[in-house]
Amino acid sequence: MSAGSTPCIKLCLMDAPSGLCQGCGRTLDEIGGWGSLDEPARLAIMRLLPGRLAAARFETPTKTGRHDRRRALAESS
């Protein structure tokens, strides 16, 4: 993973009940602090994201209809 790597898939919609971004699965704190995290910390978060997304039951559907893409990314990991 390069220093500029991010799990963002440009589907930024926060789910209030879970506190997760529906696109990448990160919390607001993780998103906000991403640029200041070192490589091991980023990798640790990246390892958690597929499980978070696979387990998520978001209440708000996305406006773009990219739930299928997000789920496919989570399942392919």
N, C-alpha and C. Protein backbone atom coordinates (compact mmCIF):
# COMPACT_ATOMS: atom_id res chain seq x y z
N MET A 1 0.85 -1.17 0.00
CA MET A 1 0.00 0.00 0.00
C MET A 1 0.89 1.23 0.00
N SER A 2 0.60 2.18 -0.86
CA SER A 2 1.40 3.40 -0.92
C SER A 2 0.90 4.40 0.11
N ALA A 3 1.71 5.42 0.34
CA ALA A 3 1.36 6.43 1.35
C ALA A 3 0.05 7.13 1.03
N GLY A 4 -0.31 7.22 -0.24
CA GLY A 4 -1.54 7.90 -0.63
C GLY A 4 -2.74 6.98 -0.75
N SER A 5 -2.58 5.72 -0.41
CA SER A 5 -3.67 4.75 -0.55
C SER A 5 -4.82 5.07 0.39
N THR A 6 -6.02 4.82 -0.10
CA THR A 6 -7.21 5.04 0.70
C THR A 6 -8.26 4.01 0.30
N PRO A 7 -9.10 3.58 1.22
CA PRO A 7 -10.17 2.66 0.88
C PRO A 7 -11.39 3.37 0.29
N CYS A 8 -11.31 4.69 0.16
CA CYS A 8 -12.44 5.47 -0.34
C CYS A 8 -12.79 5.05 -1.77
N ILE A 9 -14.10 4.80 -2.00
CA ILE A 9 -14.57 4.48 -3.35
C ILE A 9 -15.48 5.59 -3.87
N LYS A 10 -15.36 6.77 -3.28
CA LYS A 10 -16.13 7.96 -3.69
C LYS A 10 -17.63 7.76 -3.50
N LEU A 11 -18.00 7.00 -2.48
CA LEU A 11 -19.41 6.81 -2.10
C LEU A 11 -19.48 7.19 -0.63
N CYS A 12 -19.50 8.49 -0.39
CA CYS A 12 -19.39 9.01 0.97
C CYS A 12 -20.78 9.33 1.53
N LEU A 13 -21.29 8.42 2.31
CA LEU A 13 -22.59 8.60 2.95
C LEU A 13 -22.52 7.92 4.31
N MET A 14 -22.59 8.72 5.35
CA MET A 14 -22.47 8.18 6.70
C MET A 14 -23.80 7.59 7.16
N ASP A 15 -23.71 6.43 7.78
CA ASP A 15 -24.86 5.76 8.37
C ASP A 15 -24.86 6.11 9.86
N ALA A 16 -25.86 6.88 10.29
CA ALA A 16 -25.88 7.36 11.68
C ALA A 16 -25.91 6.24 12.72
N PRO A 17 -26.76 5.22 12.57
CA PRO A 17 -26.81 4.18 13.61
C PRO A 17 -25.47 3.44 13.80
N SER A 18 -24.79 3.14 12.72
CA SER A 18 -23.54 2.39 12.84
C SER A 18 -22.33 3.30 12.98
N GLY A 19 -22.43 4.54 12.51
CA GLY A 19 -21.30 5.45 12.52
C GLY A 19 -20.28 5.16 11.44
N LEU A 20 -20.68 4.38 10.43
CA LEU A 20 -19.76 3.99 9.36
C LEU A 20 -20.12 4.65 8.04
N CYS A 21 -19.10 4.90 7.23
CA CYS A 21 -19.33 5.34 5.86
C CYS A 21 -19.84 4.14 5.07
N GLN A 22 -20.92 4.34 4.33
CA GLN A 22 -21.49 3.24 3.56
C GLN A 22 -20.60 2.82 2.40
N GLY A 23 -19.70 3.68 1.98
CA GLY A 23 -18.80 3.34 0.88
C GLY A 23 -17.58 2.55 1.31
N CYS A 24 -16.86 3.08 2.30
CA CYS A 24 -15.59 2.45 2.67
C CYS A 24 -15.62 1.69 3.99
N GLY A 25 -16.61 1.97 4.84
CA GLY A 25 -16.71 1.28 6.11
C GLY A 25 -15.93 1.91 7.25
N ARG A 26 -15.32 3.08 7.00
CA ARG A 26 -14.57 3.74 8.07
C ARG A 26 -15.48 4.63 8.91
N THR A 27 -15.03 4.92 10.13
CA THR A 27 -15.72 5.88 10.99
C THR A 27 -15.27 7.29 10.61
N LEU A 28 -15.99 8.29 11.10
CA LEU A 28 -15.57 9.68 10.84
C LEU A 28 -14.18 9.96 11.40
N ASP A 29 -13.88 9.43 12.57
CA ASP A 29 -12.55 9.63 13.15
C ASP A 29 -11.47 9.01 12.27
N GLU A 30 -11.74 7.83 11.73
CA GLU A 30 -10.76 7.18 10.85
C GLU A 30 -10.59 7.95 9.55
N ILE A 31 -11.69 8.44 9.00
CA ILE A 31 -11.62 9.22 7.76
C ILE A 31 -10.84 10.51 8.01
N GLY A 32 -11.20 11.22 9.08
CA GLY A 32 -10.55 12.49 9.39
C GLY A 32 -9.08 12.37 9.72
N GLY A 33 -8.69 11.29 10.34
CA GLY A 33 -7.30 11.11 10.73
C GLY A 33 -6.46 10.31 9.76
N TRP A 34 -7.06 9.88 8.65
CA TRP A 34 -6.37 9.00 7.71
C TRP A 34 -5.02 9.55 7.26
N GLY A 35 -4.97 10.83 6.94
CA GLY A 35 -3.74 11.43 6.44
C GLY A 35 -2.60 11.46 7.44
N SER A 36 -2.92 11.42 8.72
CA SER A 36 -1.87 11.47 9.74
C SER A 36 -1.50 10.09 10.29
N LEU A 37 -2.19 9.05 9.84
CA LEU A 37 -1.88 7.70 10.32
C LEU A 37 -0.63 7.16 9.64
N ASP A 38 0.14 6.36 10.37
CA ASP A 38 1.28 5.70 9.75
C ASP A 38 0.80 4.44 9.02
N GLU A 39 1.70 3.88 8.25
CA GLU A 39 1.36 2.72 7.42
C GLU A 39 0.78 1.54 8.22
N PRO A 40 1.38 1.14 9.34
CA PRO A 40 0.80 0.02 10.10
C PRO A 40 -0.62 0.30 10.59
N ALA A 41 -0.89 1.53 10.99
CA ALA A 41 -2.24 1.88 11.46
C ALA A 41 -3.24 1.82 10.31
N ARG A 42 -2.85 2.32 9.15
CA ARG A 42 -3.74 2.25 7.98
C ARG A 42 -4.03 0.80 7.59
N LEU A 43 -2.99 -0.02 7.59
CA LEU A 43 -3.18 -1.43 7.23
C LEU A 43 -4.09 -2.14 8.23
N ALA A 44 -3.95 -1.80 9.50
CA ALA A 44 -4.81 -2.42 10.52
C ALA A 44 -6.27 -2.07 10.28
N ILE A 45 -6.54 -0.82 9.94
CA ILE A 45 -7.92 -0.42 9.64
C ILE A 45 -8.40 -1.09 8.36
N MET A 46 -7.55 -1.12 7.34
CA MET A 46 -7.93 -1.73 6.05
C MET A 46 -8.33 -3.20 6.24
N ARG A 47 -7.68 -3.90 7.16
CA ARG A 47 -8.01 -5.30 7.40
C ARG A 47 -9.40 -5.46 8.02
N LEU A 48 -9.86 -4.46 8.74
CA LEU A 48 -11.17 -4.51 9.39
C LEU A 48 -12.33 -4.21 8.44
N LEU A 49 -12.07 -3.45 7.39
CA LEU A 49 -13.16 -2.92 6.56
C LEU A 49 -14.01 -3.98 5.86
N PRO A 50 -13.45 -5.02 5.26
CA PRO A 50 -14.32 -6.00 4.61
C PRO A 50 -15.33 -6.63 5.56
N GLY A 51 -14.89 -6.95 6.77
CA GLY A 51 -15.80 -7.52 7.76
C GLY A 51 -16.88 -6.55 8.19
N ARG A 52 -16.49 -5.29 8.38
CA ARG A 52 -17.46 -4.27 8.75
C ARG A 52 -18.54 -4.13 7.68
N LEU A 53 -18.10 -4.03 6.43
CA LEU A 53 -19.05 -3.84 5.34
C LEU A 53 -19.94 -5.06 5.15
N ALA A 54 -19.38 -6.24 5.29
CA ALA A 54 -20.17 -7.46 5.13
C ALA A 54 -21.22 -7.59 6.23
N ALA A 55 -20.91 -7.11 7.43
CA ALA A 55 -21.83 -7.22 8.55
C ALA A 55 -22.82 -6.06 8.63
N ALA A 56 -22.54 -4.99 7.90
CA ALA A 56 -23.37 -3.78 8.01
C ALA A 56 -24.76 -3.99 7.44
N ARG A 57 -25.71 -3.39 8.11
CA ARG A 57 -27.09 -3.37 7.65
C ARG A 57 -27.52 -1.90 7.65
N PHE A 58 -27.11 -1.19 6.62
CA PHE A 58 -27.38 0.24 6.56
C PHE A 58 -28.86 0.51 6.35
N GLU A 59 -29.38 1.49 7.09
CA GLU A 59 -30.79 1.84 7.02
C GLU A 59 -31.10 2.77 5.86
N THR A 60 -30.14 3.57 5.44
CA THR A 60 -30.36 4.55 4.39
C THR A 60 -29.79 4.03 3.09
N PRO A 61 -30.61 3.83 2.06
CA PRO A 61 -30.06 3.40 0.78
C PRO A 61 -29.23 4.51 0.15
N THR A 62 -28.23 4.15 -0.60
CA THR A 62 -27.41 5.15 -1.26
C THR A 62 -28.17 5.76 -2.43
N LYS A 63 -27.87 7.02 -2.71
CA LYS A 63 -28.51 7.70 -3.83
C LYS A 63 -28.01 7.16 -5.16
N THR A 64 -26.82 6.62 -5.19
CA THR A 64 -26.22 6.20 -6.44
C THR A 64 -26.50 4.74 -6.78
N GLY A 65 -27.07 4.00 -5.85
CA GLY A 65 -27.35 2.59 -6.11
C GLY A 65 -26.11 1.72 -6.16
N ARG A 66 -25.03 2.15 -5.52
CA ARG A 66 -23.79 1.39 -5.58
C ARG A 66 -23.63 0.41 -4.43
N HIS A 67 -24.72 0.04 -3.78
CA HIS A 67 -24.63 -0.97 -2.72
C HIS A 67 -24.00 -2.25 -3.27
N ASP A 68 -24.39 -2.64 -4.48
CA ASP A 68 -23.85 -3.87 -5.05
C ASP A 68 -22.34 -3.79 -5.20
N ARG A 69 -21.82 -2.65 -5.62
CA ARG A 69 -20.38 -2.49 -5.79
C ARG A 69 -19.68 -2.59 -4.43
N ARG A 70 -20.23 -1.92 -3.41
CA ARG A 70 -19.64 -1.94 -2.08
C ARG A 70 -19.63 -3.36 -1.54
N ARG A 71 -20.74 -4.06 -1.66
CA ARG A 71 -20.82 -5.44 -1.16
C ARG A 71 -19.83 -6.34 -1.91
N ALA A 72 -19.74 -6.16 -3.24
CA ALA A 72 -18.82 -6.97 -4.03
C ALA A 72 -17.38 -6.75 -3.57
N LEU A 73 -17.02 -5.49 -3.29
CA LEU A 73 -15.68 -5.20 -2.81
C LEU A 73 -15.43 -5.86 -1.46
N ALA A 74 -16.42 -5.82 -0.59
CA ALA A 74 -16.27 -6.43 0.74
C ALA A 74 -16.14 -7.94 0.63
N GLU A 75 -16.91 -8.54 -0.24
CA GLU A 75 -16.90 -10.00 -0.36
C GLU A 75 -15.67 -10.52 -1.08
N SER A 76 -15.05 -9.67 -1.92
CA SER A 76 -13.89 -10.13 -2.68
C SER A 76 -12.61 -10.12 -1.85
N SER A 77 -12.66 -9.50 -0.68
CA SER A 77 -11.45 -9.42 0.17
C SER A 77 -11.25 -10.68 0.97
